[in-house]
């Protein structure tokens, strides 16, 4: 994890909800707790969250998970990530909105997603902003290719 990111606890996330006029319902709390507890497992789909809830004997339904994830990503508590496979995935938004989010390396064979923390586009972004007059708030970069494991298997 880069120095620009920090982990939040559920109490911090409660404050983010209340800033926008929402309450921390038991369902939202349980879903957010999954993201806090599984911070090492990024990019969870609604089905991944639901599976973890079922393993905990939770009675939260899949529709509730989808609604909560939609709201939490709309509020910026979660970040929705699309890797081009038709499945929305989510992770805690632990970055300062003024600092770029990490990028992703996506293996097109095994579908592994590797996070890439270094941001090498600052100069390009500044050049684009200067030439176009466009205020860039953030960007997202995805590289598609073959991971080292799949490249070794292909030899």
Protein backbone atom coordinates (compact mmCIF):
# COMPACT_ATOMS: atom_id res chain seq x y z
CA UNK A 1 0.00 0.00 0.00
CA UNK A 2 1.39 3.41 -0.89
CA UNK A 3 1.93 6.22 1.59
CA UNK A 4 -0.97 8.12 0.00
CA UNK A 5 -3.52 5.61 1.23
CA UNK A 6 -4.88 4.92 4.66
CA UNK A 7 -7.23 2.30 6.00
CA UNK A 8 -10.53 3.32 7.53
CA UNK A 9 -12.46 1.64 10.29
CA UNK A 10 -16.23 1.21 10.34
CA UNK A 11 -16.56 4.22 12.69
CA UNK A 12 -14.79 6.43 10.12
CA UNK A 13 -17.15 5.16 7.44
CA UNK A 14 -20.17 5.89 9.67
CA UNK A 15 -19.10 9.53 9.62
CA UNK A 16 -18.91 9.51 5.83
CA UNK A 17 -22.48 8.17 5.66
CA UNK A 18 -23.83 10.76 8.09
CA UNK A 19 -22.13 13.58 6.14
CA UNK A 20 -24.48 12.70 3.30
CA UNK A 21 -27.59 12.26 5.47
CA UNK A 22 -27.58 8.46 5.64
CA UNK A 23 -27.62 6.24 8.70
CA UNK A 24 -25.39 3.30 9.43
CA UNK A 25 -27.92 0.49 9.20
CA UNK A 26 -26.98 -2.94 10.54
CA UNK A 27 -26.82 -4.21 6.94
CA UNK A 28 -24.51 -1.41 5.76
CA UNK A 29 -22.35 -1.86 8.84
CA UNK A 30 -21.99 -5.60 8.18
CA UNK A 31 -21.16 -5.03 4.50
CA UNK A 32 -18.62 -2.30 5.29
CA UNK A 33 -17.08 -4.51 7.96
CA UNK A 34 -16.40 -7.10 5.25
CA UNK A 35 -14.43 -4.53 3.26
CA UNK A 36 -12.50 -3.46 6.36
CA UNK A 37 -11.76 -7.04 7.45
CA UNK A 38 -10.86 -8.17 3.92
CA UNK A 39 -8.82 -5.11 2.95
CA UNK A 40 -6.11 -7.42 1.63
CA UNK A 41 -8.65 -8.93 -0.82
CA UNK A 42 -9.44 -6.07 -3.16
CA UNK A 43 -11.97 -5.91 -5.94
CA UNK A 44 -14.90 -7.80 -4.40
CA UNK A 45 -18.04 -8.29 -6.44
CA UNK A 46 -21.52 -8.22 -4.92
CA UNK A 47 -21.48 -12.01 -5.15
CA UNK A 48 -18.16 -12.16 -3.24
CA UNK A 49 -19.62 -10.00 -0.47
CA UNK A 50 -22.80 -12.09 -0.41
CA UNK A 51 -20.77 -15.31 -0.17
CA UNK A 52 -18.85 -13.96 2.85
CA UNK A 53 -22.14 -12.90 4.46
CA UNK A 54 -23.58 -16.40 3.93
CA UNK A 55 -20.45 -17.94 5.49
CA UNK A 56 -21.13 -15.73 8.54
CA UNK A 57 -24.76 -16.98 8.62
CA UNK A 58 -26.01 -13.48 7.82
CA UNK A 59 -29.56 -13.11 6.56
CA UNK A 60 -28.73 -10.17 4.31
CA UNK A 61 -29.98 -10.87 0.80
CA UNK A 62 -28.17 -10.34 -2.47
CA UNK A 63 -30.52 -7.50 -3.49
CA UNK A 64 -29.64 -5.65 -0.26
CA UNK A 65 -25.95 -6.16 -1.00
CA UNK A 66 -26.38 -4.65 -4.48
CA UNK A 67 -28.31 -1.65 -3.11
CA UNK A 68 -25.74 -1.04 -0.38
CA UNK A 69 -22.81 -1.29 -2.79
CA UNK A 70 -24.50 1.12 -5.20
CA UNK A 71 -25.12 3.66 -2.42
CA UNK A 72 -21.67 3.29 -0.89
CA UNK A 73 -19.96 3.75 -4.25
CA UNK A 74 -22.22 6.71 -5.10
CA UNK A 75 -21.14 8.35 -1.83
CA UNK A 76 -17.46 7.65 -2.57
CA UNK A 77 -17.01 5.27 0.36
CA UNK A 78 -16.38 2.43 -2.08
CA UNK A 79 -14.84 2.64 -5.53
CA UNK A 80 -16.48 0.64 -8.30
CA UNK A 81 -13.95 -0.91 -10.65
CA UNK A 82 -14.71 -2.46 -14.03
CA UNK A 83 -12.14 -4.81 -15.52
CA UNK A 84 -14.01 -5.28 -18.79
CA UNK A 85 -15.49 -8.65 -17.92
CA UNK A 86 -19.03 -7.44 -17.17
CA UNK A 87 -18.65 -7.81 -13.40
CA UNK A 88 -18.56 -4.69 -11.21
CA UNK A 89 -16.13 -4.97 -8.34
CA UNK A 90 -15.68 -2.73 -5.32
CA UNK A 91 -12.99 -1.72 -2.88
CA UNK A 92 -12.75 0.80 -0.06
CA UNK A 93 -11.96 4.27 -1.27
CA UNK A 94 -8.93 4.81 0.91
CA UNK A 95 -7.25 7.44 -1.24
CA UNK A 96 -7.41 11.16 -0.80
CA UNK A 97 -9.60 12.35 -3.70
CA UNK A 98 -6.83 14.77 -4.68
CA UNK A 99 -4.35 11.89 -4.96
CA UNK A 100 -4.66 9.37 -7.76
CA UNK A 101 -6.01 5.93 -7.12
CA UNK A 102 -3.83 2.96 -7.93
CA UNK A 103 -3.83 1.34 -11.36
CA UNK A 104 -4.44 -2.25 -12.41
CA UNK A 105 -2.61 -4.89 -14.41
CA UNK A 106 -5.16 -7.45 -15.67
CA UNK A 107 -4.17 -10.87 -16.97
CA UNK A 108 -6.39 -11.77 -19.91
CA UNK A 109 -5.72 -15.49 -19.40
CA UNK A 110 -6.19 -16.20 -15.67
CA UNK A 111 -8.05 -12.91 -14.88
CA UNK A 112 -5.65 -12.08 -12.03
CA UNK A 113 -5.65 -8.38 -11.11
CA UNK A 114 -2.42 -6.86 -9.85
CA UNK A 115 -2.43 -3.41 -8.31
CA UNK A 116 0.20 -0.95 -9.48
CA UNK A 117 0.73 1.91 -7.02
CA UNK A 118 3.21 4.12 -8.87
CA UNK A 119 1.66 6.97 -10.78
CA UNK A 120 3.75 7.86 -13.80
CA UNK A 121 1.22 10.09 -15.53
CA UNK A 122 1.53 13.33 -13.57
CA UNK A 123 3.56 15.11 -16.28
CA UNK A 124 1.24 13.91 -19.05
CA UNK A 125 -1.79 14.99 -17.04
CA UNK A 126 -0.31 18.45 -16.42
CA UNK A 127 0.48 18.81 -20.13
CA UNK A 128 -3.06 17.81 -21.14
CA UNK A 129 -4.58 20.21 -18.61
CA UNK A 130 -2.38 23.09 -19.77
CA UNK A 131 -3.06 22.53 -23.48
CA UNK A 132 -6.78 21.85 -23.19
CA UNK A 133 -7.80 23.98 -20.23
CA UNK A 134 -9.46 20.84 -18.84
CA UNK A 135 -9.33 20.39 -15.06
CA UNK A 136 -8.41 16.75 -14.51
CA UNK A 137 -9.57 15.41 -11.16
CA UNK A 138 -8.41 11.84 -11.51
CA UNK A 139 -7.66 9.11 -13.98
CA UNK A 140 -7.76 5.33 -14.12
CA UNK A 141 -5.33 3.15 -16.01
CA UNK A 142 -5.78 -0.53 -16.81
CA UNK A 143 -3.15 -2.59 -18.57
CA UNK A 144 -4.27 -5.86 -20.16
CA UNK A 145 -1.79 -8.64 -20.89
CA UNK A 146 -0.33 -11.82 -19.42
CA UNK A 147 0.89 -12.16 -15.83
CA UNK A 148 4.27 -13.73 -15.10
CA UNK A 149 2.65 -17.04 -14.04
CA UNK A 150 0.71 -17.38 -17.32
CA UNK A 151 3.77 -16.35 -19.34
CA UNK A 152 5.80 -19.09 -17.64
CA UNK A 153 3.09 -21.68 -18.38
CA UNK A 154 2.99 -20.58 -22.02
CA UNK A 155 6.69 -21.33 -22.62
